[in-house]
Amino acid sequence: MKSLFTALTCFTFSISFAQEKAPENWPTLDPLKDKIYGVGAEEAYKTLAGKKGKKVIVAVIDSGVDTEHEDLKNIIWVNEDEIPNNGIDDDNNGYIDDVNGWSFLGGKEQDINYEATEMARIFQKGKRLYTTKDTLKLTGEELKAFEDWKQIRIAFNEELAEQQKQLKGIGAFSDYLLNVKNKNNGTLTKEAIKNYTPTNEKEEKIQKRMKLIFMMGIDVAELETQITEGKEMLEHIIQCNTMNMDSLRTIIVGDNPNDLTERFYGCNRVKGPDAFHGTHVAGIIAASRNNNIGINGIAENIIIMPIRAVPNGDERDKDIANAIRYAVDNGATIINMSFGKYYSPDKKLVDEAVAYALSKDVLLIHAAGNESKDNDVELSFPNRELLSGDTVKNWIQVGASSYKAGKTLIGDFSNYGQKKVDVFAPGVDIYSTVPDNNAYKTSSGTSMASPATAGAAAIIRSFYPELKAEEVRTILMKSVVTYKKKVRIPGSKKKKKVKQLCISGGFVNVNNAVQMLNK
């Protein structure tokens, strides 16, 4: 999930869940044909040979997308009713010069990069409120709200302490590499790290971790980058969590973040200051196929609509609701949402946008989360369970899986849930597009599993356009590849059957879906 410390998460996964390197493009491969637990896209296109699909617009609500990347530039949505950069809302949709999508995180000149967590926002808002009130005189609903806030205060302090602990841990890695560099005249190589003699117990533990990192095929430059980015991100998040970010948001973006009626704010800069996550997601779905460049996305004949609404930190409910509506109103029939959080103060607003997407036959695909949690026990947001009591059926909740059969087939970081998570899809060691210099990198998370599923859904919507969003979900659920042996429960050494970890009991396979539809 983008909002749950992406850079740090990628680094943590690399050092904690080392295994042999996955084949590039493995998400497109097939368990039966290739013995690789991809979504079977290559086989699906063989099954569909001779048929012609229609173009499908997939909206990517994320951190931003590098629209100039060599493997993406030909599949980026273009608003043909908008004249570029003339300062006029030519198509009268409320957004000026939205040629390639929209950002709800930017103003005339600046962009939001870092935000507080939702828990911190709730804590800071309550802190400002209750410092001006005599809390001993509160009664009724006001007293209940105060008691609820006190629980938030406890959780916030625990979260802040954990973030500071993580920052200290990353700092120890950074100090270790600096010590190695100082011992080797300012240079840092694998050999220098391997030959370095630890000076204390902490360094001995770090050196053992380094061996796992190198087993993953991560080079020294990438290691330094991940440590630096992880440290920088946590420093910014901690800073954001301890201040009132609403006023800064108004200065940069220009809206009032607490005015939930506002829809038409933001800018047309869809890349933003940190487009790693969104660019990686977009490439998984639809990086240009068979162009002898980089990677093959899951689906072809797809248009990616970038919508920037997810900062480093937690996304705001207002931005997500507006992003969903923007996608629906501008022709997207699938929306990928690789983000999430555990508090949603304005869930009703998001629920209304989700219901609107359902009314327009748009399929929503959402990442389950990266905390090894049981979603049946602890909900993440957004979700398909509306406050009204209804459960929408145009929603697919996705956990992350690996490429190789065995007890580690489910990503050890992935959230799961026999009642809340629909399917598993490729999310471990996924090689995809990243911003600037036409680059490609490997990343892990349910953030990668969600677009793998979105790509599979896009193939179905392309070749079987008569199917409703709910029917696309149904066919993907019924056509999963099952696995008979037990797998390790994420975050635990215990094992369960896959059917005890998700609703469908299996892994997304679009070739199976196509074969079922053809019958």
Protein backbone atom coordinates (compact mmCIF):
# COMPACT_ATOMS: atom_id res chain seq x y z
CA MET A 1 0.00 0.00 0.00
CA LYS A 2 1.39 3.31 -1.04
CA SER A 3 0.32 5.13 2.09
CA LEU A 4 1.92 2.62 4.45
CA PHE A 5 5.56 3.63 3.95
CA THR A 6 6.25 2.17 0.51
CA ALA A 7 9.98 2.76 0.35
CA LEU A 8 10.54 1.39 3.84
CA THR A 9 8.25 -1.55 3.11
CA CYS A 10 10.16 -2.51 -0.03
CA PHE A 11 13.41 -2.43 1.92
CA THR A 12 11.97 -4.46 4.79
CA PHE A 13 10.67 -7.11 2.43
CA SER A 14 14.04 -7.40 0.75
CA ILE A 15 15.85 -8.11 3.98
CA SER A 16 13.16 -10.19 5.66
CA PHE A 17 11.79 -12.51 3.01
CA ALA A 18 14.76 -13.41 0.87
CA GLN A 19 14.31 -16.21 -1.63
CA GLU A 20 15.73 -17.05 -5.01
CA LYS A 21 15.13 -14.36 -7.59
CA ALA A 22 11.81 -14.55 -9.45
CA PRO A 23 11.79 -14.66 -13.27
CA GLU A 24 11.14 -11.32 -14.93
CA ASN A 25 7.63 -10.99 -16.38
CA TRP A 26 6.51 -13.89 -14.20
CA PRO A 27 3.08 -12.29 -13.52
CA THR A 28 2.09 -12.95 -17.14
CA LEU A 29 2.98 -16.67 -16.99
CA ASP A 30 0.74 -19.63 -16.16
CA PRO A 31 0.87 -22.29 -13.38
CA LEU A 32 -0.14 -25.14 -15.69
CA LYS A 33 1.95 -24.24 -18.74
CA ASP A 34 4.98 -22.63 -17.08
CA LYS A 35 4.85 -23.94 -13.49
CA ILE A 36 4.86 -20.27 -12.46
CA TYR A 37 1.95 -18.79 -10.50
CA GLY A 38 1.29 -15.81 -12.74
CA VAL A 39 -2.16 -14.78 -14.01
CA GLY A 40 -1.87 -16.71 -17.29
CA ALA A 41 -2.02 -13.67 -19.58
CA GLU A 42 0.25 -15.14 -22.27
CA GLU A 43 -1.88 -18.28 -22.49
CA ALA A 44 -5.06 -16.20 -22.47
CA TYR A 45 -3.94 -14.31 -25.56
CA LYS A 46 -3.25 -17.62 -27.30
CA THR A 47 -6.76 -18.76 -26.40
CA LEU A 48 -8.13 -15.45 -27.73
CA ALA A 49 -6.13 -15.63 -30.99
CA GLY A 50 -8.17 -14.30 -33.91
CA LYS A 51 -10.47 -12.24 -31.71
CA LYS A 52 -10.34 -8.49 -31.43
CA GLY A 53 -10.91 -6.68 -28.18
CA LYS A 54 -12.07 -3.13 -27.55
CA LYS A 55 -10.02 -0.51 -25.76
CA VAL A 56 -10.49 -0.35 -22.00
CA ILE A 57 -9.64 2.62 -19.77
CA VAL A 58 -8.09 1.66 -16.44
CA ALA A 59 -7.75 4.48 -13.91
CA VAL A 60 -4.75 4.30 -11.59
CA ILE A 61 -5.48 6.25 -8.40
CA ASP A 62 -2.01 6.47 -6.91
CA SER A 63 1.05 8.60 -6.17
CA GLY A 64 1.46 9.71 -9.79
CA VAL A 65 2.58 8.20 -13.09
CA ASP A 66 5.55 9.03 -15.32
CA THR A 67 3.62 9.54 -18.56
CA GLU A 68 6.86 9.89 -20.56
CA HIS A 69 8.24 6.44 -19.68
CA GLU A 70 9.18 4.53 -22.82
CA ASP A 71 6.98 1.56 -21.92
CA LEU A 72 3.97 3.69 -20.89
CA LYS A 73 3.82 6.81 -23.07
CA ASN A 74 1.83 5.09 -25.81
CA ILE A 75 -0.89 3.84 -23.47
CA ILE A 76 -1.56 6.99 -21.40
CA TRP A 77 -5.10 8.39 -21.51
CA VAL A 78 -5.55 11.55 -23.57
CA ASN A 79 -8.56 13.79 -23.02
CA GLU A 80 -9.25 14.67 -26.64
CA ASP A 81 -11.84 17.28 -25.66
CA GLU A 82 -9.24 19.35 -23.81
CA ILE A 83 -6.82 21.73 -25.55
CA PRO A 84 -3.45 21.40 -23.79
CA ASN A 85 -2.24 24.21 -21.54
CA ASN A 86 -4.60 26.95 -22.69
CA GLY A 87 -5.86 27.60 -19.15
CA ILE A 88 -9.45 26.85 -20.16
CA ASP A 89 -11.76 24.02 -19.13
CA ASP A 90 -12.58 23.16 -22.76
CA ASP A 91 -14.73 20.10 -22.00
CA ASN A 92 -16.52 21.76 -19.05
CA ASN A 93 -15.82 18.86 -16.70
CA GLY A 94 -14.61 21.18 -13.95
CA TYR A 95 -10.89 20.49 -14.42
CA ILE A 96 -8.69 22.87 -16.41
CA ASP A 97 -6.22 21.31 -18.88
CA ASP A 98 -6.73 17.75 -17.62
CA VAL A 99 -5.12 16.34 -20.74
CA ASN A 100 -3.71 13.13 -19.20
CA GLY A 101 -5.64 12.89 -15.93
CA TRP A 102 -5.70 14.91 -12.73
CA SER A 103 -3.93 15.48 -9.41
CA PHE A 104 -5.88 16.29 -6.25
CA LEU A 105 -2.58 16.92 -4.46
CA GLY A 106 -1.24 19.94 -6.31
CA GLY A 107 -1.85 23.66 -6.65
CA LYS A 108 -0.69 26.29 -9.13
CA GLU A 109 3.00 25.78 -8.42
CA GLN A 110 3.55 23.14 -5.73
CA ASP A 111 2.61 19.54 -4.99
CA ILE A 112 1.91 17.66 -1.77
CA ASN A 113 4.47 14.89 -1.28
CA TYR A 114 4.30 13.95 2.42
CA GLU A 115 1.19 13.78 4.59
CA ALA A 116 0.41 12.66 8.12
CA THR A 117 -1.25 9.32 8.83
CA GLU A 118 -5.02 9.43 9.31
CA MET A 119 -4.61 8.53 12.97
CA ALA A 120 -2.29 11.50 13.43
CA ARG A 121 -4.78 13.83 11.75
CA ILE A 122 -7.55 12.64 14.08
CA PHE A 123 -5.24 13.00 17.09
CA GLN A 124 -4.08 16.52 16.14
CA LYS A 125 -7.65 17.68 15.44
CA GLY A 126 -8.81 16.40 18.84
CA LYS A 127 -5.80 17.91 20.58
CA ARG A 128 -6.67 21.36 19.18
CA LEU A 129 -10.29 20.91 20.21
CA TYR A 130 -9.87 19.60 23.74
CA THR A 131 -7.17 22.05 24.83
CA THR A 132 -9.85 24.78 24.65
CA LYS A 133 -12.55 22.79 26.50
CA ASP A 134 -13.16 21.84 30.10
CA THR A 135 -13.27 18.08 29.52
CA LEU A 136 -14.53 17.46 33.06
CA LYS A 137 -17.84 19.06 32.13
CA LEU A 138 -18.47 17.05 28.96
CA THR A 139 -21.63 14.92 28.81
CA GLY A 140 -23.53 12.78 26.34
CA GLU A 141 -22.14 12.56 22.80
CA GLU A 142 -19.38 15.07 23.55
CA LEU A 143 -18.11 12.90 26.40
CA LYS A 144 -18.22 9.79 24.23
CA ALA A 145 -16.26 11.59 21.49
CA PHE A 146 -13.65 12.63 24.06
CA GLU A 147 -13.29 9.08 25.37
CA ASP A 148 -12.89 7.81 21.79
CA TRP A 149 -10.21 10.44 21.17
CA LYS A 150 -8.29 9.34 24.27
CA GLN A 151 -8.05 5.85 22.75
CA ILE A 152 -6.77 7.43 19.54
CA ARG A 153 -4.18 9.32 21.62
CA ILE A 154 -2.88 6.04 23.07
CA ALA A 155 -2.71 4.41 19.63
CA PHE A 156 -1.05 7.48 18.12
CA ASN A 157 1.69 7.54 20.75
CA GLU A 158 2.30 3.83 20.15
CA GLU A 159 2.48 4.39 16.39
CA LEU A 160 4.83 7.33 16.80
CA ALA A 161 7.09 5.25 19.05
CA GLU A 162 7.12 2.46 16.44
CA GLN A 163 8.02 4.92 13.66
CA GLN A 164 10.86 6.30 15.75
CA LYS A 165 12.05 2.74 16.41
CA GLN A 166 11.99 2.00 12.67
CA LEU A 167 13.90 5.20 12.00
CA LYS A 168 16.52 4.16 14.54
CA GLY A 169 16.79 0.75 12.86
CA ILE A 170 17.31 2.26 9.42
CA GLY A 171 19.81 4.67 10.96
CA ALA A 172 21.80 1.68 12.25
CA PHE A 173 22.01 0.26 8.70
CA SER A 174 23.08 3.67 7.42
CA ASP A 175 25.78 3.98 10.11
CA TYR A 176 27.00 0.46 9.34
CA LEU A 177 27.48 1.26 5.64
CA LEU A 178 29.24 4.50 6.54
CA ASN A 179 31.65 2.59 8.78
CA VAL A 180 32.38 0.13 5.97
CA LYS A 181 32.94 3.02 3.58
CA ASN A 182 35.34 4.76 6.00
CA LYS A 183 37.34 1.53 6.31
CA ASN A 184 37.68 1.39 2.51
CA ASN A 185 38.76 4.89 1.62
CA GLY A 186 35.26 6.14 0.89
CA THR A 187 34.19 3.30 -1.44
CA LEU A 188 31.43 0.77 -0.84
CA THR A 189 31.35 -2.63 -2.55
CA LYS A 190 29.92 -6.08 -1.83
CA GLU A 191 33.40 -7.33 -1.08
CA ALA A 192 34.03 -4.52 1.36
CA ILE A 193 30.78 -5.28 3.18
CA LYS A 194 31.49 -9.03 3.27
CA ASN A 195 35.06 -8.51 4.52
CA TYR A 196 34.18 -5.91 7.14
CA THR A 197 34.76 -7.03 10.74
CA PRO A 198 31.81 -6.02 12.96
CA THR A 199 32.77 -4.02 16.05
CA ASN A 200 29.73 -4.92 18.17
CA GLU A 201 26.71 -7.24 18.40
CA LYS A 202 24.46 -4.84 16.49
CA GLU A 203 26.82 -4.79 13.53
CA GLU A 204 27.04 -8.59 13.60
CA LYS A 205 23.25 -8.80 13.18
CA ILE A 206 23.31 -6.26 10.36
CA GLN A 207 26.04 -8.17 8.55
CA LYS A 208 23.90 -11.33 8.63
CA ARG A 209 21.03 -9.34 7.10
CA MET A 210 23.40 -8.12 4.40
CA LYS A 211 23.99 -11.69 3.26
CA LEU A 212 20.23 -12.14 2.75
CA ILE A 213 20.08 -8.90 0.81
CA PHE A 214 22.81 -9.99 -1.58
CA MET A 215 21.09 -13.38 -2.03
CA MET A 216 18.16 -11.39 -3.41
CA GLY A 217 20.39 -9.95 -6.11
CA ILE A 218 20.22 -6.40 -4.75
CA ASP A 219 23.33 -4.41 -5.58
CA VAL A 220 25.08 -1.96 -3.29
CA ALA A 221 23.78 1.14 -5.07
CA GLU A 222 20.17 -0.06 -4.73
CA LEU A 223 20.77 -0.91 -1.08
CA GLU A 224 22.05 2.59 -0.35
CA THR A 225 19.11 4.11 -2.22
CA GLN A 226 16.52 2.09 -0.29
CA ILE A 227 18.09 2.96 3.05
CA THR A 228 18.34 6.66 2.20
CA GLU A 229 14.77 6.83 0.88
CA GLY A 230 13.36 4.86 3.79
CA LYS A 231 15.10 7.11 6.29
CA GLU A 232 13.97 10.27 4.52
CA MET A 233 10.37 9.06 4.27
CA LEU A 234 10.11 8.19 7.95
CA GLU A 235 11.66 11.49 9.00
CA HIS A 236 9.06 13.36 6.94
CA ILE A 237 6.14 11.22 8.17
CA ILE A 238 7.15 11.73 11.81
CA GLN A 239 7.38 15.46 11.20
CA CYS A 240 3.95 15.51 9.50
CA ASN A 241 2.41 13.47 12.31
CA THR A 242 3.45 16.00 14.93
CA MET A 243 2.03 19.13 13.25
CA ASN A 244 -1.20 20.48 11.76
CA MET A 245 -0.96 19.63 8.05
CA ASP A 246 -4.36 21.11 7.13
CA SER A 247 -3.03 24.67 6.91
CA LEU A 248 -0.06 23.58 4.76
CA ARG A 249 -2.46 21.66 2.50
CA THR A 250 -4.54 24.83 1.98
CA ILE A 251 -1.44 26.87 1.15
CA ILE A 252 -0.18 24.34 -1.43
CA VAL A 253 -3.39 22.97 -2.99
CA GLY A 254 -5.77 25.84 -2.30
CA ASP A 255 -8.75 23.88 -1.01
CA ASN A 256 -10.11 23.55 2.50
CA PRO A 257 -9.37 19.90 3.38
CA ASN A 258 -12.31 19.86 5.81
CA ASP A 259 -14.84 21.08 3.22
CA LEU A 260 -16.12 17.78 1.87
CA THR A 261 -18.31 19.46 -0.76
CA GLU A 262 -15.32 20.69 -2.78
CA ARG A 263 -14.64 18.69 -5.94
CA PHE A 264 -12.87 20.95 -8.38
CA TYR A 265 -9.40 21.62 -7.00
CA GLY A 266 -5.91 20.40 -7.80
CA CYS A 267 -3.75 20.56 -10.94
CA ASN A 268 -2.94 18.63 -14.11
CA ARG A 269 0.55 17.51 -13.02
CA VAL A 270 -0.14 13.78 -12.80
CA LYS A 271 3.45 12.73 -12.15
CA GLY A 272 3.97 14.55 -8.87
CA PRO A 273 7.19 14.57 -6.81
CA ASP A 274 7.29 10.80 -6.16
CA ALA A 275 5.81 8.70 -8.95
CA PHE A 276 7.63 5.44 -8.17
CA HIS A 277 4.62 3.58 -6.83
CA GLY A 278 2.07 4.70 -9.41
CA THR A 279 4.45 4.16 -12.34
CA HIS A 280 5.26 0.65 -11.10
CA VAL A 281 1.53 -0.11 -10.78
CA ALA A 282 0.74 1.23 -14.27
CA GLY A 283 3.46 -0.91 -15.85
CA ILE A 284 2.14 -4.10 -14.26
CA ILE A 285 -1.28 -3.47 -15.77
CA ALA A 286 -0.39 -2.42 -19.27
CA ALA A 287 3.26 -1.68 -20.11
CA SER A 288 3.39 -1.91 -23.91
CA ARG A 289 3.49 -5.56 -24.87
CA ASN A 290 5.87 -7.17 -27.37
CA ASN A 291 7.69 -3.93 -28.22
CA ASN A 292 11.11 -5.41 -27.34
CA ILE A 293 11.43 -2.81 -24.57
CA GLY A 294 11.45 -3.43 -20.84
CA ILE A 295 8.51 -5.59 -19.76
CA ASN A 296 5.17 -6.86 -20.97
CA GLY A 297 2.20 -5.62 -18.99
CA ILE A 298 -0.62 -8.04 -18.22
CA ALA A 299 -3.05 -6.55 -20.76
CA GLU A 300 -2.88 -4.90 -24.15
CA ASN A 301 -5.33 -2.52 -25.83
CA ILE A 302 -5.51 -0.71 -22.48
CA ILE A 303 -5.46 3.00 -21.73
CA ILE A 304 -4.06 4.10 -18.35
CA MET A 305 -5.71 7.15 -16.75
CA PRO A 306 -3.39 8.58 -14.06
CA ILE A 307 -5.12 10.19 -11.07
CA ARG A 308 -2.88 11.48 -8.29
CA ALA A 309 -4.50 11.30 -4.85
CA VAL A 310 -2.11 9.23 -2.70
CA PRO A 311 0.80 10.95 -0.90
CA ASN A 312 3.57 9.49 1.19
CA GLY A 313 1.51 9.17 4.35
CA ASP A 314 -2.24 8.50 4.40
CA GLU A 315 -4.55 9.60 1.62
CA ARG A 316 -7.51 11.81 2.53
CA ASP A 317 -11.04 10.43 2.11
CA LYS A 318 -12.08 13.58 0.25
CA ASP A 319 -9.37 13.11 -2.39
CA ILE A 320 -10.18 9.43 -2.89
CA ALA A 321 -13.90 10.10 -3.30
CA ASN A 322 -13.19 12.81 -5.87
CA ALA A 323 -10.64 10.62 -7.66
CA ILE A 324 -13.16 7.78 -8.04
CA ARG A 325 -15.77 10.19 -9.41
CA TYR A 326 -13.26 11.72 -11.82
CA ALA A 327 -12.35 8.27 -13.15
CA VAL A 328 -15.98 7.25 -13.60
CA ASP A 329 -17.04 10.51 -15.24
CA ASN A 330 -14.16 10.38 -17.72
CA GLY A 331 -14.73 6.87 -19.03
CA ALA A 332 -12.75 4.45 -16.87
CA THR A 333 -14.40 1.04 -16.50
CA ILE A 334 -11.77 -0.33 -14.07
CA ILE A 335 -10.17 1.56 -11.18
CA ASN A 336 -7.03 0.26 -9.49
CA MET A 337 -6.58 1.32 -5.86
CA SER A 338 -3.24 0.24 -4.39
CA PHE A 339 -3.51 2.17 -1.14
CA GLY A 340 -5.20 1.88 2.22
CA LYS A 341 -5.36 2.89 5.87
CA TYR A 342 -7.00 1.81 9.12
CA TYR A 343 -9.03 4.93 9.91
CA SER A 344 -11.61 6.63 7.68
CA PRO A 345 -13.31 9.62 9.34
CA ASP A 346 -15.20 10.56 6.17
CA LYS A 347 -16.03 7.04 4.99
CA LYS A 348 -19.57 8.09 4.03
CA LEU A 349 -18.14 10.35 1.32
CA VAL A 350 -16.04 7.51 -0.11
CA ASP A 351 -19.01 5.11 0.15
CA GLU A 352 -21.09 7.48 -1.97
CA ALA A 353 -18.34 7.52 -4.63
CA VAL A 354 -18.10 3.72 -4.55
CA ALA A 355 -21.88 3.45 -4.96
CA TYR A 356 -21.65 5.92 -7.85
CA ALA A 357 -19.05 3.70 -9.54
CA LEU A 358 -21.39 0.74 -9.10
CA SER A 359 -24.25 2.68 -10.71
CA LYS A 360 -22.01 3.33 -13.74
CA ASP A 361 -20.80 -0.29 -13.99
CA VAL A 362 -17.20 0.42 -12.98
CA LEU A 363 -15.09 -2.33 -11.38
CA LEU A 364 -13.01 -1.36 -8.32
CA ILE A 365 -9.89 -3.38 -7.47
CA HIS A 366 -8.19 -2.78 -4.13
CA ALA A 367 -5.00 -3.98 -2.40
CA ALA A 368 -5.63 -5.89 0.83
CA GLY A 369 -2.65 -4.45 2.75
CA ASN A 370 0.91 -5.34 3.71
CA GLU A 371 0.85 -5.93 7.44
CA SER A 372 0.30 -9.72 7.61
CA LYS A 373 -3.13 -9.00 9.12
CA ASP A 374 -6.41 -10.87 8.99
CA ASN A 375 -8.81 -8.45 7.27
CA ASP A 376 -11.72 -10.40 8.76
CA VAL A 377 -10.60 -9.11 12.14
CA GLU A 378 -9.40 -5.60 11.28
CA LEU A 379 -10.89 -3.73 8.33
CA SER A 380 -8.80 -1.47 6.14
CA PHE A 381 -10.21 1.45 4.20
CA PRO A 382 -11.64 2.02 1.67
CA ASN A 383 -13.71 -1.15 1.49
CA ARG A 384 -16.88 -2.59 -0.01
CA GLU A 385 -18.81 -2.70 3.28
CA LEU A 386 -20.78 0.55 3.23
CA LEU A 387 -22.01 2.38 6.32
CA SER A 388 -25.55 1.89 4.98
CA GLY A 389 -25.18 -1.86 5.58
CA ASP A 390 -24.91 -2.68 1.88
CA THR A 391 -21.99 -4.58 0.39
CA VAL A 392 -21.13 -3.58 -3.17
CA LYS A 393 -20.40 -6.33 -5.68
CA ASN A 394 -18.21 -4.36 -8.08
CA TRP A 395 -15.20 -4.70 -5.73
CA ILE A 396 -12.26 -7.14 -5.73
CA GLN A 397 -9.97 -7.27 -2.66
CA VAL A 398 -6.56 -8.74 -3.51
CA GLY A 399 -3.79 -10.34 -1.47
CA ALA A 400 -0.24 -10.98 -2.72
CA SER A 401 1.28 -14.27 -3.85
CA SER A 402 4.68 -15.47 -5.01
CA TYR A 403 5.68 -17.24 -8.21
CA LYS A 404 6.65 -20.64 -6.85
CA ALA A 405 4.55 -23.46 -5.44
CA GLY A 406 5.30 -24.34 -1.82
CA LYS A 407 4.62 -23.17 1.69
CA THR A 408 5.72 -19.58 0.86
CA LEU A 409 3.28 -19.24 -2.06
CA ILE A 410 1.47 -16.45 -0.21
CA GLY A 411 3.53 -13.30 0.39
CA ASP A 412 4.62 -13.27 4.03
CA PHE A 413 3.66 -9.59 4.30
CA SER A 414 0.22 -9.95 2.69
CA ASN A 415 -3.04 -9.33 4.50
CA TYR A 416 -5.59 -12.11 4.11
CA GLY A 417 -9.13 -13.00 5.13
CA GLN A 418 -11.48 -15.90 4.50
CA LYS A 419 -14.42 -13.48 4.36
CA LYS A 420 -12.84 -10.18 3.26
CA VAL A 421 -10.08 -10.98 0.73
CA ASP A 422 -11.30 -12.32 -2.62
CA VAL A 423 -8.21 -13.69 -4.35
CA PHE A 424 -4.43 -13.75 -4.39
CA ALA A 425 -2.36 -12.48 -7.32
CA PRO A 426 1.33 -11.83 -8.14
CA GLY A 427 2.79 -9.43 -5.57
CA VAL A 428 6.26 -10.69 -4.62
CA ASP A 429 9.35 -9.52 -6.52
CA ILE A 430 7.49 -7.82 -9.36
CA TYR A 431 9.66 -6.16 -12.01
CA SER A 432 8.03 -3.12 -13.57
CA THR A 433 8.39 0.45 -14.80
CA VAL A 434 9.64 3.22 -12.51
CA PRO A 435 9.95 6.96 -13.19
CA ASP A 436 12.80 8.89 -14.79
CA ASN A 437 15.36 7.63 -17.28
CA ASN A 438 13.01 4.88 -18.56
CA ALA A 439 13.98 2.71 -15.61
CA TYR A 440 12.66 -0.62 -14.26
CA LYS A 441 12.88 -2.02 -10.74
CA THR A 442 11.55 -4.83 -8.56
CA SER A 443 9.05 -4.18 -5.78
CA SER A 444 6.75 -6.24 -3.57
CA GLY A 445 3.35 -5.69 -1.98
CA THR A 446 -0.36 -6.16 -2.39
CA SER A 447 0.06 -2.87 -4.27
CA MET A 448 1.48 -5.05 -7.06
CA ALA A 449 -1.13 -7.81 -6.72
CA SER A 450 -3.99 -5.37 -7.24
CA PRO A 451 -2.81 -4.15 -10.69
CA ALA A 452 -2.03 -7.73 -11.73
CA THR A 453 -5.71 -8.45 -11.06
CA ALA A 454 -6.74 -5.20 -12.77
CA GLY A 455 -4.82 -6.31 -15.86
CA ALA A 456 -6.62 -9.67 -15.86
CA ALA A 457 -9.98 -7.91 -15.46
CA ALA A 458 -9.08 -5.54 -18.29
CA ILE A 459 -8.55 -8.47 -20.67
CA ILE A 460 -12.03 -9.71 -19.84
CA ARG A 461 -13.63 -6.28 -20.20
CA SER A 462 -11.82 -5.87 -23.52
CA PHE A 463 -12.93 -9.14 -25.14
CA TYR A 464 -16.26 -9.60 -23.34
CA PRO A 465 -17.61 -6.03 -23.09
CA GLU A 466 -21.16 -7.26 -22.53
CA LEU A 467 -20.22 -8.46 -19.03
CA LYS A 468 -21.10 -6.20 -16.11
CA ALA A 469 -18.53 -5.31 -13.45
CA GLU A 470 -20.11 -7.75 -11.01
CA GLU A 471 -19.93 -10.52 -13.63
CA VAL A 472 -16.24 -9.83 -14.28
CA ARG A 473 -15.62 -10.25 -10.55
CA THR A 474 -17.64 -13.47 -10.52
CA ILE A 475 -15.75 -15.06 -13.42
CA LEU A 476 -12.38 -14.14 -11.92
CA MET A 477 -13.47 -15.71 -8.63
CA LYS A 478 -14.77 -18.91 -10.24
CA SER A 479 -11.76 -19.42 -12.50
CA VAL A 480 -8.99 -19.26 -9.90
CA VAL A 481 -6.15 -21.75 -9.82
CA THR A 482 -6.41 -23.67 -6.57
CA TYR A 483 -3.60 -25.14 -4.47
CA LYS A 484 -4.20 -28.28 -2.45
CA LYS A 485 -1.29 -28.16 -0.02
CA LYS A 486 -1.13 -25.91 3.00
CA VAL A 487 0.72 -22.61 2.85
CA ARG A 488 2.26 -20.51 5.56
CA ILE A 489 -0.07 -17.94 7.13
CA PRO A 490 1.47 -14.51 6.49
CA GLY A 491 3.46 -13.37 9.50
CA SER A 492 3.30 -16.80 11.13
CA LYS A 493 4.96 -20.21 11.01
CA LYS A 494 1.54 -21.89 11.11
CA LYS A 495 -0.04 -23.23 7.94
CA LYS A 496 -3.52 -23.27 6.43
CA LYS A 497 -5.22 -24.13 3.16
CA VAL A 498 -5.53 -21.23 0.71
CA LYS A 499 -9.33 -21.53 0.92
CA GLN A 500 -9.00 -20.55 4.60
CA LEU A 501 -7.17 -17.35 3.65
CA CYS A 502 -9.43 -15.91 0.94
CA ILE A 503 -12.98 -16.22 -0.37
CA SER A 504 -12.22 -17.85 -3.73
CA GLY A 505 -9.58 -20.19 -2.34
CA GLY A 506 -7.13 -19.49 -5.14
CA PHE A 507 -5.06 -17.38 -7.50
CA VAL A 508 -6.23 -15.15 -10.34
CA ASN A 509 -5.94 -16.84 -13.73
CA VAL A 510 -7.30 -14.99 -16.76
CA ASN A 511 -6.71 -17.91 -19.13
CA ASN A 512 -9.04 -20.08 -17.06
CA ALA A 513 -11.55 -17.22 -17.10
CA VAL A 514 -11.38 -16.88 -20.88
CA GLN A 515 -11.81 -20.61 -21.38
CA MET A 516 -14.85 -20.62 -19.10
CA LEU A 517 -16.37 -17.68 -20.96
CA ASN A 518 -15.75 -19.31 -24.33
CA LYS A 519 -17.70 -22.35 -23.17
